[in-house]
Amino acid sequence: MPIETLERLTAQTSNQMRTLLVEDEPLVRLMTEDILTSLGCVIVATAATLTQALTCIKTTEFDLAVLDINLAGTEVYPAAELLLSKGTPFIFVTGYGQRGVQSAWREFPILQKPFISRQLEEAIGRFRPERPST
């Protein structure tokens, strides 16, 4: 998708959470994109490697990141550190549950794969800005 299209889409959906999805498994990435979209998120970028993730974090504006911890054998923690330094919230996903997360990172939201939509919705709810009542 061209950058201009993403920027236009982001501008049109400014009340939705712009999301970076970092996931190396194509089918899991597609499933997660579908869930995020159904929860009112706009996927502004995806990354399958740590290098791609770091580039996206440096060059793309977004409100939330969903990070697979193990990217084909490379851990995603440098991306999490960069997000933390920018004050951008993130959610870890892993096939290994809590034991697959380094102890220093266990205070952050962690979803074990496979997860269901409701679990991701609850994790996102921690970061979604409250909407004013009408």
C-alpha atoms as a PDB file:
ATOM      1  CA  MET A   1       0.000   0.000   0.000  1.00  0.00           C
ATOM      2  CA  PRO A   2       1.491   3.381  -0.948  1.00  0.00           C
ATOM      3  CA  ILE A   3       2.498   5.713   1.893  1.00  0.00           C
ATOM      4  CA  GLU A   4       0.051   8.368   0.668  1.00  0.00           C
ATOM      5  CA  THR A   5      -2.825   5.886   0.985  1.00  0.00           C
ATOM      6  CA  LEU A   6      -1.797   4.999   4.527  1.00  0.00           C
ATOM      7  CA  GLU A   7      -1.536   8.670   5.491  1.00  0.00           C
ATOM      8  CA  ARG A   8      -4.978   9.397   4.023  1.00  0.00           C
ATOM      9  CA  LEU A   9      -6.451   6.371   5.778  1.00  0.00           C
ATOM     10  CA  THR A  10      -4.881   7.445   9.056  1.00  0.00           C
ATOM     11  CA  ALA A  11      -6.260  10.973   8.698  1.00  0.00           C
ATOM     12  CA  GLN A  12      -9.753   9.626   7.981  1.00  0.00           C
ATOM     13  CA  THR A  13      -9.699   7.361  11.003  1.00  0.00           C
ATOM     14  CA  SER A  14      -8.007   9.593  13.557  1.00  0.00           C
ATOM     15  CA  ASN A  15     -10.355   8.352  16.279  1.00  0.00           C
ATOM     16  CA  GLN A  16      -9.019   4.828  15.777  1.00  0.00           C
ATOM     17  CA  MET A  17      -5.775   3.485  17.214  1.00  0.00           C
ATOM     18  CA  ARG A  18      -3.009   3.524  14.644  1.00  0.00           C
ATOM     19  CA  THR A  19      -1.176   0.255  15.161  1.00  0.00           C
ATOM     20  CA  LEU A  20       2.182  -1.247  14.263  1.00  0.00           C
ATOM     21  CA  LEU A  21       2.078  -5.043  14.045  1.00  0.00           C
ATOM     22  CA  VAL A  22       5.368  -6.924  14.371  1.00  0.00           C
ATOM     23  CA  GLU A  23       4.907 -10.618  13.522  1.00  0.00           C
ATOM     24  CA  ASP A  24       7.083 -12.931  11.437  1.00  0.00           C
ATOM     25  CA  GLU A  25       4.530 -15.675  10.715  1.00  0.00           C
ATOM     26  CA  PRO A  26       2.371 -14.604   7.730  1.00  0.00           C
ATOM     27  CA  LEU A  27      -0.803 -16.455   8.756  1.00  0.00           C
ATOM     28  CA  VAL A  28      -0.597 -15.241  12.350  1.00  0.00           C
ATOM     29  CA  ARG A  29       0.034 -11.710  11.049  1.00  0.00           C
ATOM     30  CA  LEU A  30      -3.079 -11.866   8.845  1.00  0.00           C
ATOM     31  CA  MET A  31      -5.210 -13.236  11.679  1.00  0.00           C
ATOM     32  CA  THR A  32      -3.946 -10.575  14.065  1.00  0.00           C
ATOM     33  CA  GLU A  33      -4.527  -7.829  11.494  1.00  0.00           C
ATOM     34  CA  ASP A  34      -8.134  -9.009  11.114  1.00  0.00           C
ATOM     35  CA  ILE A  35      -8.691  -9.008  14.864  1.00  0.00           C
ATOM     36  CA  LEU A  36      -7.095  -5.588  15.319  1.00  0.00           C
ATOM     37  CA  THR A  37      -9.176  -4.137  12.498  1.00  0.00           C
ATOM     38  CA  SER A  38     -12.367  -5.593  13.973  1.00  0.00           C
ATOM     39  CA  LEU A  39     -11.442  -3.923  17.280  1.00  0.00           C
ATOM     40  CA  GLY A  40     -11.210  -0.488  15.670  1.00  0.00           C
ATOM     41  CA  CYS A  41      -7.492  -0.320  15.037  1.00  0.00           C
ATOM     42  CA  VAL A  42      -5.898   0.828  11.798  1.00  0.00           C
ATOM     43  CA  ILE A  43      -2.809  -1.103  10.798  1.00  0.00           C
ATOM     44  CA  VAL A  44      -0.387   1.597   9.661  1.00  0.00           C
ATOM     45  CA  ALA A  45       2.629  -0.685   9.314  1.00  0.00           C
ATOM     46  CA  THR A  46       3.706  -4.292   9.666  1.00  0.00           C
ATOM     47  CA  ALA A  47       7.155  -5.751  10.212  1.00  0.00           C
ATOM     48  CA  ALA A  48       8.439  -9.323  10.089  1.00  0.00           C
ATOM     49  CA  THR A  49      11.996  -8.713  11.325  1.00  0.00           C
ATOM     50  CA  LEU A  50      13.620  -6.717  14.101  1.00  0.00           C
ATOM     51  CA  THR A  51      15.303  -4.448  11.545  1.00  0.00           C
ATOM     52  CA  GLN A  52      11.962  -3.711   9.879  1.00  0.00           C
ATOM     53  CA  ALA A  53      10.369  -3.093  13.273  1.00  0.00           C
ATOM     54  CA  LEU A  54      13.060  -0.628  14.322  1.00  0.00           C
ATOM     55  CA  THR A  55      12.710   1.216  11.011  1.00  0.00           C
ATOM     56  CA  CYS A  56       8.927   1.430  11.393  1.00  0.00           C
ATOM     57  CA  ILE A  57       9.231   2.699  14.964  1.00  0.00           C
ATOM     58  CA  LYS A  58      11.612   5.443  13.823  1.00  0.00           C
ATOM     59  CA  THR A  59       9.675   6.479  10.705  1.00  0.00           C
ATOM     60  CA  THR A  60       5.976   5.795  11.279  1.00  0.00           C
ATOM     61  CA  GLU A  61       3.509   7.498  13.584  1.00  0.00           C
ATOM     62  CA  PHE A  62       1.280   5.135  15.530  1.00  0.00           C
ATOM     63  CA  ASP A  63      -0.485   4.836  18.876  1.00  0.00           C
ATOM     64  CA  LEU A  64       0.134   1.191  19.761  1.00  0.00           C
ATOM     65  CA  ALA A  65       2.436  -1.675  18.815  1.00  0.00           C
ATOM     66  CA  VAL A  66       1.755  -5.400  18.972  1.00  0.00           C
ATOM     67  CA  LEU A  67       5.058  -7.260  19.173  1.00  0.00           C
ATOM     68  CA  ASP A  68       5.760 -10.948  18.632  1.00  0.00           C
ATOM     69  CA  ILE A  69       8.668 -11.657  20.981  1.00  0.00           C
ATOM     70  CA  ASN A  70      10.435 -14.214  18.787  1.00  0.00           C
ATOM     71  CA  LEU A  71      11.033 -13.060  15.221  1.00  0.00           C
ATOM     72  CA  ALA A  72      12.550 -16.101  13.531  1.00  0.00           C
ATOM     73  CA  GLY A  73      14.935 -16.584  16.437  1.00  0.00           C
ATOM     74  CA  THR A  74      15.612 -12.886  17.101  1.00  0.00           C
ATOM     75  CA  GLU A  75      14.075 -11.339  20.195  1.00  0.00           C
ATOM     76  CA  VAL A  76      12.092  -8.136  19.796  1.00  0.00           C
ATOM     77  CA  TYR A  77      13.301  -6.448  22.999  1.00  0.00           C
ATOM     78  CA  PRO A  78      15.372  -3.724  21.243  1.00  0.00           C
ATOM     79  CA  ALA A  79      12.134  -2.584  19.567  1.00  0.00           C
ATOM     80  CA  ALA A  80      10.353  -2.626  22.938  1.00  0.00           C
ATOM     81  CA  GLU A  81      13.149  -0.512  24.428  1.00  0.00           C
ATOM     82  CA  LEU A  82      12.762   2.046  21.637  1.00  0.00           C
ATOM     83  CA  LEU A  83       8.983   2.119  22.093  1.00  0.00           C
ATOM     84  CA  LEU A  84       9.436   2.580  25.829  1.00  0.00           C
ATOM     85  CA  SER A  85      11.816   5.508  25.266  1.00  0.00           C
ATOM     86  CA  LYS A  86       9.202   7.137  23.002  1.00  0.00           C
ATOM     87  CA  GLY A  87       6.358   6.506  25.448  1.00  0.00           C
ATOM     88  CA  THR A  88       4.477   4.352  22.945  1.00  0.00           C
ATOM     89  CA  PRO A  89       2.421   1.541  24.476  1.00  0.00           C
ATOM     90  CA  PHE A  90       2.878  -2.022  23.308  1.00  0.00           C
ATOM     91  CA  ILE A  91       1.564  -5.532  23.815  1.00  0.00           C
ATOM     92  CA  PHE A  92       3.753  -8.618  23.624  1.00  0.00           C
ATOM     93  CA  VAL A  93       2.487 -11.804  21.974  1.00  0.00           C
ATOM     94  CA  THR A  94       4.290 -15.111  22.315  1.00  0.00           C
ATOM     95  CA  GLY A  95       3.739 -18.796  21.879  1.00  0.00           C
ATOM     96  CA  TYR A  96       5.590 -19.409  25.139  1.00  0.00           C
ATOM     97  CA  GLY A  97       3.407 -17.482  27.593  1.00  0.00           C
ATOM     98  CA  GLN A  98       4.929 -15.683  30.594  1.00  0.00           C
ATOM     99  CA  ARG A  99       7.931 -18.027  30.689  1.00  0.00           C
ATOM    100  CA  GLY A 100       8.833 -16.900  27.169  1.00  0.00           C
ATOM    101  CA  VAL A 101       9.262 -13.310  28.326  1.00  0.00           C
ATOM    102  CA  GLN A 102      12.403 -12.009  30.015  1.00  0.00           C
ATOM    103  CA  SER A 103      11.622 -11.142  33.639  1.00  0.00           C
ATOM    104  CA  ALA A 104      12.375  -7.435  33.121  1.00  0.00           C
ATOM    105  CA  TRP A 105       9.502  -7.249  30.605  1.00  0.00           C
ATOM    106  CA  ARG A 106       6.812  -9.203  32.457  1.00  0.00           C
ATOM    107  CA  GLU A 107       5.068  -6.075  33.760  1.00  0.00           C
ATOM    108  CA  PHE A 108       3.896  -5.274  30.224  1.00  0.00           C
ATOM    109  CA  PRO A 109       0.793  -6.851  28.659  1.00  0.00           C
ATOM    110  CA  ILE A 110       1.530 -10.346  27.353  1.00  0.00           C
ATOM    111  CA  LEU A 111      -0.795 -12.502  25.279  1.00  0.00           C
ATOM    112  CA  GLN A 112      -0.076 -16.153  24.707  1.00  0.00           C
ATOM    113  CA  LYS A 113      -0.663 -17.450  21.198  1.00  0.00           C
ATOM    114  CA  PRO A 114      -3.114 -18.550  20.174  1.00  0.00           C
ATOM    115  CA  PHE A 115      -5.201 -15.758  21.681  1.00  0.00           C
ATOM    116  CA  ILE A 116      -8.786 -14.788  21.068  1.00  0.00           C
ATOM    117  CA  SER A 117     -10.216 -11.433  20.088  1.00  0.00           C
ATOM    118  CA  ARG A 118     -11.497 -10.711  23.593  1.00  0.00           C
ATOM    119  CA  GLN A 119      -8.008 -11.080  25.103  1.00  0.00           C
ATOM    120  CA  LEU A 120      -6.531  -8.643  22.603  1.00  0.00           C
ATOM    121  CA  GLU A 121      -9.453  -6.275  23.146  1.00  0.00           C
ATOM    122  CA  GLU A 122      -8.811  -6.261  26.897  1.00  0.00           C
ATOM    123  CA  ALA A 123      -5.102  -5.596  26.379  1.00  0.00           C
ATOM    124  CA  ILE A 124      -5.825  -2.740  23.965  1.00  0.00           C
ATOM    125  CA  GLY A 125      -8.382  -1.332  26.409  1.00  0.00           C
ATOM    126  CA  ARG A 126      -5.545  -0.481  28.777  1.00  0.00           C
ATOM    127  CA  PHE A 127      -4.256   2.029  26.225  1.00  0.00           C
ATOM    128  CA  ARG A 128      -7.320   3.234  24.317  1.00  0.00           C
ATOM    129  CA  PRO A 129      -8.193   6.830  25.133  1.00  0.00           C
ATOM    130  CA  GLU A 130     -11.565   7.231  26.739  1.00  0.00           C
ATOM    131  CA  ARG A 131     -14.183   8.727  24.493  1.00  0.00           C
ATOM    132  CA  PRO A 132     -16.175  11.645  25.865  1.00  0.00           C
ATOM    133  CA  SER A 133     -19.766  10.774  26.632  1.00  0.00           C
ATOM    134  CA  THR A 134     -22.367  12.393  24.446  1.00  0.00           C
END
